[in-house]
Amino acid sequence: MFISWFLENDFIIFNILVSIVFFIYFAIAFSYTRDNILRLLFLFEILSLIFSFLFLIISLHYFDLYGQIVVLYILTIAAVEASIGLAMIYVYYKLWRTVKIASLKKIRG
């Protein structure tokens, strides 16, 4: 029974496996890059794209339009978050000439 379900749903299984591989990449990269703010921002963008991809694949599998609308909202929020984050990193770099997390101790507020 499981094998017949797997053969009928190979499209969704393949895409979920691709998402799992990218999530493993995110986890490994996140554990190795804890000192650069820019890399962490890009890794969180990859994470939002992974979840958007999963929503999209599941909504396509079940012929559901609401999942695709959720993907549009997620991508819009990710774009806004990236633009604000990059602007803050730019201003921080102009002040301190580095984007290392260890240098955040200079900020008091």
PDB file of N, CA and C in Angstrom:
ATOM      1  N   MET A   1       0.828  -1.194   0.000  1.00  0.00           N
ATOM      2  CA  MET A   1       0.000   0.000   0.000  1.00  0.00           C
ATOM      3  C   MET A   1       0.871   1.257   0.000  1.00  0.00           C
ATOM      4  N   PHE A   2       1.912   1.271   0.803  1.00  0.00           N
ATOM      5  CA  PHE A   2       2.783   2.436   0.866  1.00  0.00           C
ATOM      6  C   PHE A   2       3.521   2.634  -0.453  1.00  0.00           C
ATOM      7  N   ILE A   3       3.942   1.544  -1.087  1.00  0.00           N
ATOM      8  CA  ILE A   3       4.683   1.652  -2.341  1.00  0.00           C
ATOM      9  C   ILE A   3       3.786   2.204  -3.443  1.00  0.00           C
ATOM     10  N   SER A   4       2.536   1.784  -3.488  1.00  0.00           N
ATOM     11  CA  SER A   4       1.636   2.324  -4.507  1.00  0.00           C
ATOM     12  C   SER A   4       1.363   3.810  -4.260  1.00  0.00           C
ATOM     13  N   TRP A   5       1.237   4.220  -2.993  1.00  0.00           N
ATOM     14  CA  TRP A   5       1.053   5.645  -2.695  1.00  0.00           C
ATOM     15  C   TRP A   5       2.287   6.432  -3.098  1.00  0.00           C
ATOM     16  N   PHE A   6       3.462   5.866  -2.849  1.00  0.00           N
ATOM     17  CA  PHE A   6       4.716   6.534  -3.195  1.00  0.00           C
ATOM     18  C   PHE A   6       4.844   6.697  -4.706  1.00  0.00           C
ATOM     19  N   LEU A   7       4.466   5.680  -5.467  1.00  0.00           N
ATOM     20  CA  LEU A   7       4.565   5.766  -6.920  1.00  0.00           C
ATOM     21  C   LEU A   7       3.550   6.734  -7.508  1.00  0.00           C
ATOM     22  N   GLU A   8       2.387   6.857  -6.888  1.00  0.00           N
ATOM     23  CA  GLU A   8       1.384   7.794  -7.376  1.00  0.00           C
ATOM     24  C   GLU A   8       1.744   9.238  -7.045  1.00  0.00           C
ATOM     25  N   ASN A   9       2.442   9.448  -5.975  1.00  0.00           N
ATOM     26  CA  ASN A   9       2.751  10.804  -5.499  1.00  0.00           C
ATOM     27  C   ASN A   9       4.241  11.107  -5.598  1.00  0.00           C
ATOM     28  N   ASP A  10       4.894  10.661  -6.662  1.00  0.00           N
ATOM     29  CA  ASP A  10       6.328  10.863  -6.757  1.00  0.00           C
ATOM     30  C   ASP A  10       6.698  12.328  -6.969  1.00  0.00           C
ATOM     31  N   PHE A  11       5.816  13.136  -7.540  1.00  0.00           N
ATOM     32  CA  PHE A  11       6.080  14.559  -7.732  1.00  0.00           C
ATOM     33  C   PHE A  11       6.237  15.272  -6.397  1.00  0.00           C
ATOM     34  N   ILE A  12       5.296  15.054  -5.512  1.00  0.00           N
ATOM     35  CA  ILE A  12       5.347  15.736  -4.214  1.00  0.00           C
ATOM     36  C   ILE A  12       6.470  15.175  -3.341  1.00  0.00           C
ATOM     37  N   ILE A  13       6.721  13.874  -3.416  1.00  0.00           N
ATOM     38  CA  ILE A  13       7.798  13.282  -2.622  1.00  0.00           C
ATOM     39  C   ILE A  13       9.147  13.825  -3.070  1.00  0.00           C
ATOM     40  N   PHE A  14       9.366  13.900  -4.374  1.00  0.00           N
ATOM     41  CA  PHE A  14      10.630  14.430  -4.884  1.00  0.00           C
ATOM     42  C   PHE A  14      10.843  15.867  -4.433  1.00  0.00           C
ATOM     43  N   ASN A  15       9.830  16.694  -4.508  1.00  0.00           N
ATOM     44  CA  ASN A  15       9.971  18.098  -4.126  1.00  0.00           C
ATOM     45  C   ASN A  15      10.142  18.263  -2.619  1.00  0.00           C
ATOM     46  N   ILE A  16       9.518  17.422  -1.833  1.00  0.00           N
ATOM     47  CA  ILE A  16       9.738  17.468  -0.390  1.00  0.00           C
ATOM     48  C   ILE A  16      11.162  17.042  -0.058  1.00  0.00           C
ATOM     49  N   LEU A  17      11.689  16.066  -0.774  1.00  0.00           N
ATOM     50  CA  LEU A  17      13.086  15.657  -0.563  1.00  0.00           C
ATOM     51  C   LEU A  17      14.049  16.780  -0.954  1.00  0.00           C
ATOM     52  N   VAL A  18      13.744  17.494  -2.023  1.00  0.00           N
ATOM     53  CA  VAL A  18      14.567  18.641  -2.406  1.00  0.00           C
ATOM     54  C   VAL A  18      14.532  19.704  -1.307  1.00  0.00           C
ATOM     55  N   SER A  19      13.369  19.943  -0.745  1.00  0.00           N
ATOM     56  CA  SER A  19      13.246  20.916   0.349  1.00  0.00           C
ATOM     57  C   SER A  19      14.022  20.473   1.575  1.00  0.00           C
ATOM     58  N   ILE A  20      14.004  19.188   1.856  1.00  0.00           N
ATOM     59  CA  ILE A  20      14.759  18.666   3.000  1.00  0.00           C
ATOM     60  C   ILE A  20      16.254  18.847   2.775  1.00  0.00           C
ATOM     61  N   VAL A  21      16.716  18.619   1.554  1.00  0.00           N
ATOM     62  CA  VAL A  21      18.140  18.807   1.248  1.00  0.00           C
ATOM     63  C   VAL A  21      18.536  20.266   1.440  1.00  0.00           C
ATOM     64  N   PHE A  22      17.707  21.192   0.964  1.00  0.00           N
ATOM     65  CA  PHE A  22      18.012  22.607   1.155  1.00  0.00           C
ATOM     66  C   PHE A  22      17.938  23.010   2.627  1.00  0.00           C
ATOM     67  N   PHE A  23      17.037  22.412   3.388  1.00  0.00           N
ATOM     68  CA  PHE A  23      16.973  22.715   4.810  1.00  0.00           C
ATOM     69  C   PHE A  23      18.213  22.200   5.531  1.00  0.00           C
ATOM     70  N   ILE A  24      18.710  21.047   5.136  1.00  0.00           N
ATOM     71  CA  ILE A  24      19.952  20.530   5.724  1.00  0.00           C
ATOM     72  C   ILE A  24      21.115  21.462   5.381  1.00  0.00           C
ATOM     73  N   TYR A  25      21.134  21.968   4.136  1.00  0.00           N
ATOM     74  CA  TYR A  25      22.141  22.953   3.756  1.00  0.00           C
ATOM     75  C   TYR A  25      22.038  24.198   4.636  1.00  0.00           C
ATOM     76  N   PHE A  26      20.808  24.659   4.877  1.00  0.00           N
ATOM     77  CA  PHE A  26      20.603  25.826   5.740  1.00  0.00           C
ATOM     78  C   PHE A  26      21.127  25.555   7.147  1.00  0.00           C
ATOM     79  N   ALA A  27      20.823  24.394   7.701  1.00  0.00           N
ATOM     80  CA  ALA A  27      21.239  24.080   9.065  1.00  0.00           C
ATOM     81  C   ALA A  27      22.761  24.009   9.180  1.00  0.00           C
ATOM     82  N   ILE A  28      23.405  23.393   8.200  1.00  0.00           N
ATOM     83  CA  ILE A  28      24.867  23.287   8.236  1.00  0.00           C
ATOM     84  C   ILE A  28      25.505  24.658   8.060  1.00  0.00           C
ATOM     85  N   ALA A  29      25.019  25.434   7.108  1.00  0.00           N
ATOM     86  CA  ALA A  29      25.583  26.762   6.869  1.00  0.00           C
ATOM     87  C   ALA A  29      25.335  27.686   8.050  1.00  0.00           C
ATOM     88  N   PHE A  30      24.186  27.572   8.686  1.00  0.00           N
ATOM     89  CA  PHE A  30      23.884  28.416   9.848  1.00  0.00           C
ATOM     90  C   PHE A  30      24.793  28.076  11.022  1.00  0.00           C
ATOM     91  N   SER A  31      25.130  26.805  11.172  1.00  0.00           N
ATOM     92  CA  SER A  31      26.000  26.428  12.291  1.00  0.00           C
ATOM     93  C   SER A  31      27.434  26.878  12.067  1.00  0.00           C
ATOM     94  N   TYR A  32      27.844  27.077  10.804  1.00  0.00           N
ATOM     95  CA  TYR A  32      29.220  27.495  10.528  1.00  0.00           C
ATOM     96  C   TYR A  32      29.397  28.992  10.393  1.00  0.00           C
ATOM     97  N   THR A  33      28.359  29.741  10.109  1.00  0.00           N
ATOM     98  CA  THR A  33      28.507  31.184   9.904  1.00  0.00           C
ATOM     99  C   THR A  33      27.747  31.933  10.984  1.00  0.00           C
ATOM    100  N   ARG A  34      28.369  32.085  12.096  1.00  0.00           N
ATOM    101  CA  ARG A  34      27.747  32.835  13.188  1.00  0.00           C
ATOM    102  C   ARG A  34      28.400  34.195  13.402  1.00  0.00           C
ATOM    103  N   ASP A  35      29.329  34.567  12.539  1.00  0.00           N
ATOM    104  CA  ASP A  35      30.036  35.819  12.770  1.00  0.00           C
ATOM    105  C   ASP A  35      29.717  36.893  11.737  1.00  0.00           C
ATOM    106  N   ASN A  36      29.037  36.558  10.669  1.00  0.00           N
ATOM    107  CA  ASN A  36      28.769  37.530   9.622  1.00  0.00           C
ATOM    108  C   ASN A  36      27.258  37.766   9.509  1.00  0.00           C
ATOM    109  N   ILE A  37      26.847  38.991   9.689  1.00  0.00           N
ATOM    110  CA  ILE A  37      25.427  39.331   9.677  1.00  0.00           C
ATOM    111  C   ILE A  37      24.840  39.152   8.280  1.00  0.00           C
ATOM    112  N   LEU A  38      25.602  39.490   7.262  1.00  0.00           N
ATOM    113  CA  LEU A  38      25.107  39.400   5.895  1.00  0.00           C
ATOM    114  C   LEU A  38      24.820  37.958   5.496  1.00  0.00           C
ATOM    115  N   ARG A  39      25.683  37.052   5.863  1.00  0.00           N
ATOM    116  CA  ARG A  39      25.444  35.640   5.570  1.00  0.00           C
ATOM    117  C   ARG A  39      24.219  35.116   6.309  1.00  0.00           C
ATOM    118  N   LEU A  40      24.044  35.539   7.546  1.00  0.00           N
ATOM    119  CA  LEU A  40      22.859  35.103   8.289  1.00  0.00           C
ATOM    120  C   LEU A  40      21.577  35.623   7.649  1.00  0.00           C
ATOM    121  N   LEU A  41      21.605  36.851   7.157  1.00  0.00           N
ATOM    122  CA  LEU A  41      20.432  37.404   6.476  1.00  0.00           C
ATOM    123  C   LEU A  41      20.108  36.597   5.224  1.00  0.00           C
ATOM    124  N   PHE A  42      21.123  36.256   4.451  1.00  0.00           N
ATOM    125  CA  PHE A  42      20.888  35.458   3.247  1.00  0.00           C
ATOM    126  C   PHE A  42      20.412  34.055   3.585  1.00  0.00           C
ATOM    127  N   LEU A  43      20.900  33.492   4.672  1.00  0.00           N
ATOM    128  CA  LEU A  43      20.437  32.166   5.073  1.00  0.00           C
ATOM    129  C   LEU A  43      18.976  32.192   5.489  1.00  0.00           C
ATOM    130  N   PHE A  44      18.541  33.257   6.150  1.00  0.00           N
ATOM    131  CA  PHE A  44      17.126  33.352   6.500  1.00  0.00           C
ATOM    132  C   PHE A  44      16.262  33.561   5.254  1.00  0.00           C
ATOM    133  N   GLU A  45      16.820  34.200   4.235  1.00  0.00           N
ATOM    134  CA  GLU A  45      16.096  34.305   2.969  1.00  0.00           C
ATOM    135  C   GLU A  45      15.943  32.926   2.332  1.00  0.00           C
ATOM    136  N   ILE A  46      16.985  32.114   2.398  1.00  0.00           N
ATOM    137  CA  ILE A  46      16.891  30.748   1.873  1.00  0.00           C
ATOM    138  C   ILE A  46      15.844  29.960   2.643  1.00  0.00           C
ATOM    139  N   LEU A  47      15.788  30.151   3.947  1.00  0.00           N
ATOM    140  CA  LEU A  47      14.794  29.451   4.756  1.00  0.00           C
ATOM    141  C   LEU A  47      13.373  29.862   4.370  1.00  0.00           C
ATOM    142  N   SER A  48      13.152  31.147   4.140  1.00  0.00           N
ATOM    143  CA  SER A  48      11.811  31.567   3.724  1.00  0.00           C
ATOM    144  C   SER A  48      11.467  31.032   2.337  1.00  0.00           C
ATOM    145  N   LEU A  49      12.464  30.924   1.461  1.00  0.00           N
ATOM    146  CA  LEU A  49      12.210  30.339   0.147  1.00  0.00           C
ATOM    147  C   LEU A  49      11.908  28.850   0.232  1.00  0.00           C
ATOM    148  N   ILE A  50      12.531  28.154   1.163  1.00  0.00           N
ATOM    149  CA  ILE A  50      12.237  26.729   1.357  1.00  0.00           C
ATOM    150  C   ILE A  50      10.784  26.550   1.782  1.00  0.00           C
ATOM    151  N   PHE A  51      10.332  27.335   2.743  1.00  0.00           N
ATOM    152  CA  PHE A  51       8.946  27.210   3.195  1.00  0.00           C
ATOM    153  C   PHE A  51       7.964  27.643   2.100  1.00  0.00           C
ATOM    154  N   SER A  52       8.336  28.655   1.334  1.00  0.00           N
ATOM    155  CA  SER A  52       7.471  29.070   0.221  1.00  0.00           C
ATOM    156  C   SER A  52       7.365  27.967  -0.817  1.00  0.00           C
ATOM    157  N   PHE A  53       8.480  27.318  -1.097  1.00  0.00           N
ATOM    158  CA  PHE A  53       8.483  26.220  -2.055  1.00  0.00           C
ATOM    159  C   PHE A  53       7.603  25.071  -1.567  1.00  0.00           C
ATOM    160  N   LEU A  54       7.680  24.768  -0.278  1.00  0.00           N
ATOM    161  CA  LEU A  54       6.827  23.704   0.262  1.00  0.00           C
ATOM    162  C   LEU A  54       5.347  24.065   0.173  1.00  0.00           C
ATOM    163  N   PHE A  55       4.989  25.290   0.526  1.00  0.00           N
ATOM    164  CA  PHE A  55       3.597  25.730   0.392  1.00  0.00           C
ATOM    165  C   PHE A  55       3.142  25.625  -1.056  1.00  0.00           C
ATOM    166  N   LEU A  56       3.996  26.041  -1.976  1.00  0.00           N
ATOM    167  CA  LEU A  56       3.629  26.017  -3.385  1.00  0.00           C
ATOM    168  C   LEU A  56       3.429  24.591  -3.894  1.00  0.00           C
ATOM    169  N   ILE A  57       4.322  23.693  -3.541  1.00  0.00           N
ATOM    170  CA  ILE A  57       4.215  22.310  -4.002  1.00  0.00           C
ATOM    171  C   ILE A  57       2.967  21.642  -3.420  1.00  0.00           C
ATOM    172  N   ILE A  58       2.706  21.863  -2.157  1.00  0.00           N
ATOM    173  CA  ILE A  58       1.526  21.247  -1.537  1.00  0.00           C
ATOM    174  C   ILE A  58       0.241  21.834  -2.114  1.00  0.00           C
ATOM    175  N   SER A  59       0.237  23.152  -2.372  1.00  0.00           N
ATOM    176  CA  SER A  59      -0.972  23.744  -2.964  1.00  0.00           C
ATOM    177  C   SER A  59      -1.178  23.273  -4.402  1.00  0.00           C
ATOM    178  N   LEU A  60      -0.108  23.058  -5.134  1.00  0.00           N
ATOM    179  CA  LEU A  60      -0.248  22.516  -6.488  1.00  0.00           C
ATOM    180  C   LEU A  60      -0.719  21.070  -6.463  1.00  0.00           C
ATOM    181  N   HIS A  61      -0.273  20.325  -5.479  1.00  0.00           N
ATOM    182  CA  HIS A  61      -0.668  18.925  -5.380  1.00  0.00           C
ATOM    183  C   HIS A  61      -2.163  18.780  -5.073  1.00  0.00           C
ATOM    184  N   TYR A  62      -2.661  19.633  -4.189  1.00  0.00           N
ATOM    185  CA  TYR A  62      -4.070  19.556  -3.802  1.00  0.00           C
ATOM    186  C   TYR A  62      -4.964  20.520  -4.575  1.00  0.00           C
ATOM    187  N   PHE A  63      -4.439  21.190  -5.599  1.00  0.00           N
ATOM    188  CA  PHE A  63      -5.188  22.141  -6.419  1.00  0.00           C
ATOM    189  C   PHE A  63      -5.855  23.215  -5.558  1.00  0.00           C
ATOM    190  N   ASP A  64      -5.058  23.801  -4.675  1.00  0.00           N
ATOM    191  CA  ASP A  64      -5.572  24.792  -3.734  1.00  0.00           C
ATOM    192  C   ASP A  64      -4.951  26.149  -4.055  1.00  0.00           C
ATOM    193  N   LEU A  65      -5.780  27.141  -4.235  1.00  0.00           N
ATOM    194  CA  LEU A  65      -5.302  28.473  -4.573  1.00  0.00           C
ATOM    195  C   LEU A  65      -4.790  29.229  -3.345  1.00  0.00           C
ATOM    196  N   TYR A  66      -5.298  28.895  -2.168  1.00  0.00           N
ATOM    197  CA  TYR A  66      -4.919  29.628  -0.960  1.00  0.00           C
ATOM    198  C   TYR A  66      -3.454  29.440  -0.604  1.00  0.00           C
ATOM    199  N   GLY A  67      -2.902  28.293  -0.883  1.00  0.00           N
ATOM    200  CA  GLY A  67      -1.480  28.076  -0.640  1.00  0.00           C
ATOM    201  C   GLY A  67      -0.613  28.976  -1.502  1.00  0.00           C
ATOM    202  N   GLN A  68      -1.029  29.210  -2.727  1.00  0.00           N
ATOM    203  CA  GLN A  68      -0.281  30.098  -3.607  1.00  0.00           C
ATOM    204  C   GLN A  68      -0.385  31.551  -3.151  1.00  0.00           C
ATOM    205  N   ILE A  69      -1.519  31.920  -2.585  1.00  0.00           N
ATOM    206  CA  ILE A  69      -1.668  33.269  -2.024  1.00  0.00           C
ATOM    207  C   ILE A  69      -0.769  33.433  -0.803  1.00  0.00           C
ATOM    208  N   VAL A  70      -0.667  32.393   0.015  1.00  0.00           N
ATOM    209  CA  VAL A  70       0.234  32.430   1.173  1.00  0.00           C
ATOM    210  C   VAL A  70       1.671  32.587   0.710  1.00  0.00           C
ATOM    211  N   VAL A  71       2.033  31.925  -0.381  1.00  0.00           N
ATOM    212  CA  VAL A  71       3.394  32.054  -0.925  1.00  0.00           C
ATOM    213  C   VAL A  71       3.657  33.494  -1.347  1.00  0.00           C
ATOM    214  N   LEU A  72       2.691  34.147  -1.962  1.00  0.00           N
ATOM    215  CA  LEU A  72       2.876  35.552  -2.336  1.00  0.00           C
ATOM    216  C   LEU A  72       3.091  36.437  -1.111  1.00  0.00           C
ATOM    217  N   TYR A  73       2.337  36.188  -0.048  1.00  0.00           N
ATOM    218  CA  TYR A  73       2.528  36.950   1.185  1.00  0.00           C
ATOM    219  C   TYR A  73       3.897  36.686   1.799  1.00  0.00           C
ATOM    220  N   ILE A  74       4.315  35.437   1.823  1.00  0.00           N
ATOM    221  CA  ILE A  74       5.619  35.098   2.403  1.00  0.00           C
ATOM    222  C   ILE A  74       6.746  35.764   1.623  1.00  0.00           C
ATOM    223  N   LEU A  75       6.669  35.717   0.293  1.00  0.00           N
ATOM    224  CA  LEU A  75       7.716  36.335  -0.518  1.00  0.00           C
ATOM    225  C   LEU A  75       7.719  37.854  -0.383  1.00  0.00           C
ATOM    226  N   THR A  76       6.541  38.457  -0.219  1.00  0.00           N
ATOM    227  CA  THR A  76       6.479  39.901  -0.014  1.00  0.00           C
ATOM    228  C   THR A  76       7.110  40.287   1.318  1.00  0.00           C
ATOM    229  N   ILE A  77       6.788  39.554   2.352  1.00  0.00           N
ATOM    230  CA  ILE A  77       7.367  39.836   3.670  1.00  0.00           C
ATOM    231  C   ILE A  77       8.865  39.595   3.659  1.00  0.00           C
ATOM    232  N   ALA A  78       9.331  38.560   2.951  1.00  0.00           N
ATOM    233  CA  ALA A  78      10.765  38.293   2.860  1.00  0.00           C
ATOM    234  C   ALA A  78      11.493  39.402   2.113  1.00  0.00           C
ATOM    235  N   ALA A  79      10.868  39.944   1.071  1.00  0.00           N
ATOM    236  CA  ALA A  79      11.501  41.040   0.333  1.00  0.00           C
ATOM    237  C   ALA A  79      11.607  42.297   1.193  1.00  0.00           C
ATOM    238  N   VAL A  80      10.565  42.589   1.945  1.00  0.00           N
ATOM    239  CA  VAL A  80      10.596  43.761   2.838  1.00  0.00           C
ATOM    240  C   VAL A  80      11.639  43.567   3.931  1.00  0.00           C
ATOM    241  N   GLU A  81      11.683  42.382   4.492  1.00  0.00           N
ATOM    242  CA  GLU A  81      12.662  42.089   5.546  1.00  0.00           C
ATOM    243  C   GLU A  81      14.084  42.190   5.004  1.00  0.00           C
ATOM    244  N   ALA A  82      14.312  41.720   3.793  1.00  0.00           N
ATOM    245  CA  ALA A  82      15.649  41.795   3.208  1.00  0.00           C
ATOM    246  C   ALA A  82      16.056  43.230   2.925  1.00  0.00           C
ATOM    247  N   SER A  83      15.137  44.031   2.429  1.00  0.00           N
ATOM    248  CA  SER A  83      15.490  45.422   2.126  1.00  0.00           C
ATOM    249  C   SER A  83      15.779  46.213   3.398  1.00  0.00           C
ATOM    250  N   ILE A  84      14.982  46.013   4.426  1.00  0.00           N
ATOM    251  CA  ILE A  84      15.234  46.710   5.695  1.00  0.00           C
ATOM    252  C   ILE A  84      16.523  46.205   6.339  1.00  0.00           C
ATOM    253  N   GLY A  85      16.728  44.905   6.299  1.00  0.00           N
ATOM    254  CA  GLY A  85      17.955  44.341   6.875  1.00  0.00           C
ATOM    255  C   GLY A  85      19.201  44.809   6.152  1.00  0.00           C
ATOM    256  N   LEU A  86      19.153  44.854   4.820  1.00  0.00           N
ATOM    257  CA  LEU A  86      20.314  45.334   4.071  1.00  0.00           C
ATOM    258  C   LEU A  86      20.566  46.813   4.308  1.00  0.00           C
ATOM    259  N   ALA A  87      19.510  47.594   4.462  1.00  0.00           N
ATOM    260  CA  ALA A  87      19.691  49.017   4.768  1.00  0.00           C
ATOM    261  C   ALA A  87      20.341  49.200   6.138  1.00  0.00           C
ATOM    262  N   MET A  88      19.912  48.413   7.112  1.00  0.00           N
ATOM    263  CA  MET A  88      20.516  48.511   8.449  1.00  0.00           C
ATOM    264  C   MET A  88      21.976  48.056   8.428  1.00  0.00           C
ATOM    265  N   ILE A  89      22.276  47.017   7.673  1.00  0.00           N
ATOM    266  CA  ILE A  89      23.665  46.548   7.572  1.00  0.00           C
ATOM    267  C   ILE A  89      24.528  47.585   6.867  1.00  0.00           C
ATOM    268  N   TYR A  90      23.981  48.246   5.857  1.00  0.00           N
ATOM    269  CA  TYR A  90      24.725  49.296   5.151  1.00  0.00           C
ATOM    270  C   TYR A  90      25.077  50.455   6.090  1.00  0.00           C
ATOM    271  N   VAL A  91      24.107  50.883   6.866  1.00  0.00           N
ATOM    272  CA  VAL A  91      24.364  51.979   7.805  1.00  0.00           C
ATOM    273  C   VAL A  91      25.363  51.545   8.873  1.00  0.00           C
ATOM    274  N   TYR A  92      25.220  50.317   9.351  1.00  0.00           N
ATOM    275  CA  TYR A  92      26.157  49.813  10.359  1.00  0.00           C
ATOM    276  C   TYR A  92      27.567  49.715   9.787  1.00  0.00           C
ATOM    277  N   TYR A  93      27.694  49.290   8.531  1.00  0.00           N
ATOM    278  CA  TYR A  93      29.012  49.189   7.914  1.00  0.00           C
ATOM    279  C   TYR A  93      29.635  50.561   7.721  1.00  0.00           C
ATOM    280  N   LYS A  94      28.817  51.556   7.359  1.00  0.00           N
ATOM    281  CA  LYS A  94      29.361  52.903   7.200  1.00  0.00           C
ATOM    282  C   LYS A  94      29.870  53.474   8.524  1.00  0.00           C
ATOM    283  N   LEU A  95      29.232  53.090   9.639  1.00  0.00           N
ATOM    284  CA  LEU A  95      29.669  53.598  10.934  1.00  0.00           C
ATOM    285  C   LEU A  95      30.902  52.867  11.467  1.00  0.00           C
ATOM    286  N   TRP A  96      30.917  51.530  11.385  1.00  0.00           N
ATOM    287  CA  TRP A  96      31.942  50.745  12.066  1.00  0.00           C
ATOM    288  C   TRP A  96      32.904  50.012  11.134  1.00  0.00           C
ATOM    289  N   ARG A  97      32.684  50.039   9.820  1.00  0.00           N
ATOM    290  CA  ARG A  97      33.542  49.406   8.816  1.00  0.00           C
ATOM    291  C   ARG A  97      33.681  47.894   8.980  1.00  0.00           C
ATOM    292  N   THR A  98      32.661  47.253   9.493  1.00  0.00           N
ATOM    293  CA  THR A  98      32.641  45.797   9.610  1.00  0.00           C
ATOM    294  C   THR A  98      31.197  45.335   9.743  1.00  0.00           C
ATOM    295  N   VAL A  99      30.969  44.072   9.408  1.00  0.00           N
ATOM    296  CA  VAL A  99      29.646  43.485   9.589  1.00  0.00           C
ATOM    297  C   VAL A  99      29.727  42.248  10.472  1.00  0.00           C
ATOM    298  N   LYS A 100      30.742  42.168  11.275  1.00  0.00           N
ATOM    299  CA  LYS A 100      30.903  41.036  12.189  1.00  0.00           C
ATOM    300  C   LYS A 100      29.957  41.187  13.387  1.00  0.00           C
ATOM    301  N   ILE A 101      29.435  40.071  13.832  1.00  0.00           N
ATOM    302  CA  ILE A 101      28.504  40.090  14.964  1.00  0.00           C
ATOM    303  C   ILE A 101      29.230  40.438  16.255  1.00  0.00           C
ATOM    304  N   ALA A 102      30.494  40.073  16.351  1.00  0.00           N
ATOM    305  CA  ALA A 102      31.262  40.381  17.564  1.00  0.00           C
ATOM    306  C   ALA A 102      31.405  41.882  17.782  1.00  0.00           C
ATOM    307  N   SER A 103      31.339  42.656  16.705  1.00  0.00           N
ATOM    308  CA  SER A 103      31.458  44.108  16.857  1.00  0.00           C
ATOM    309  C   SER A 103      30.159  44.770  17.263  1.00  0.00           C
ATOM    310  N   LEU A 104      29.095  44.014  17.415  1.00  0.00           N
ATOM    311  CA  LEU A 104      27.822  44.596  17.861  1.00  0.00           C
ATOM    312  C   LEU A 104      27.861  45.034  19.322  1.00  0.00           C
ATOM    313  N   LYS A 105      28.902  44.655  20.058  1.00  0.00           N
ATOM    314  CA  LYS A 105      29.018  45.072  21.451  1.00  0.00           C
ATOM    315  C   LYS A 105      29.281  46.562  21.567  1.00  0.00           C
ATOM    316  N   LYS A 106      29.678  47.195  20.455  1.00  0.00           N
ATOM    317  CA  LYS A 106      29.942  48.634  20.462  1.00  0.00           C
ATOM    318  C   LYS A 106      28.651  49.439  20.569  1.00  0.00           C
ATOM    319  N   ILE A 107      27.548  48.827  20.152  1.00  0.00           N
ATOM    320  CA  ILE A 107      26.257  49.535  20.144  1.00  0.00           C
ATOM    321  C   ILE A 107      25.656  49.501  21.552  1.00  0.00           C
ATOM    322  N   ARG A 108      25.281  50.633  22.038  1.00  0.00           N
ATOM    323  CA  ARG A 108      24.621  50.714  23.332  1.00  0.00           C
ATOM    324  C   ARG A 108      23.314  51.451  23.116  1.00  0.00           C
ATOM    325  N   GLY A 109      22.267  50.937  23.726  1.00  0.00           N
ATOM    326  CA  GLY A 109      21.009  51.624  23.509  1.00  0.00           C
ATOM    327  C   GLY A 109      19.894  51.083  24.328  1.00  0.00           C
TER     328      GLY A 109
END
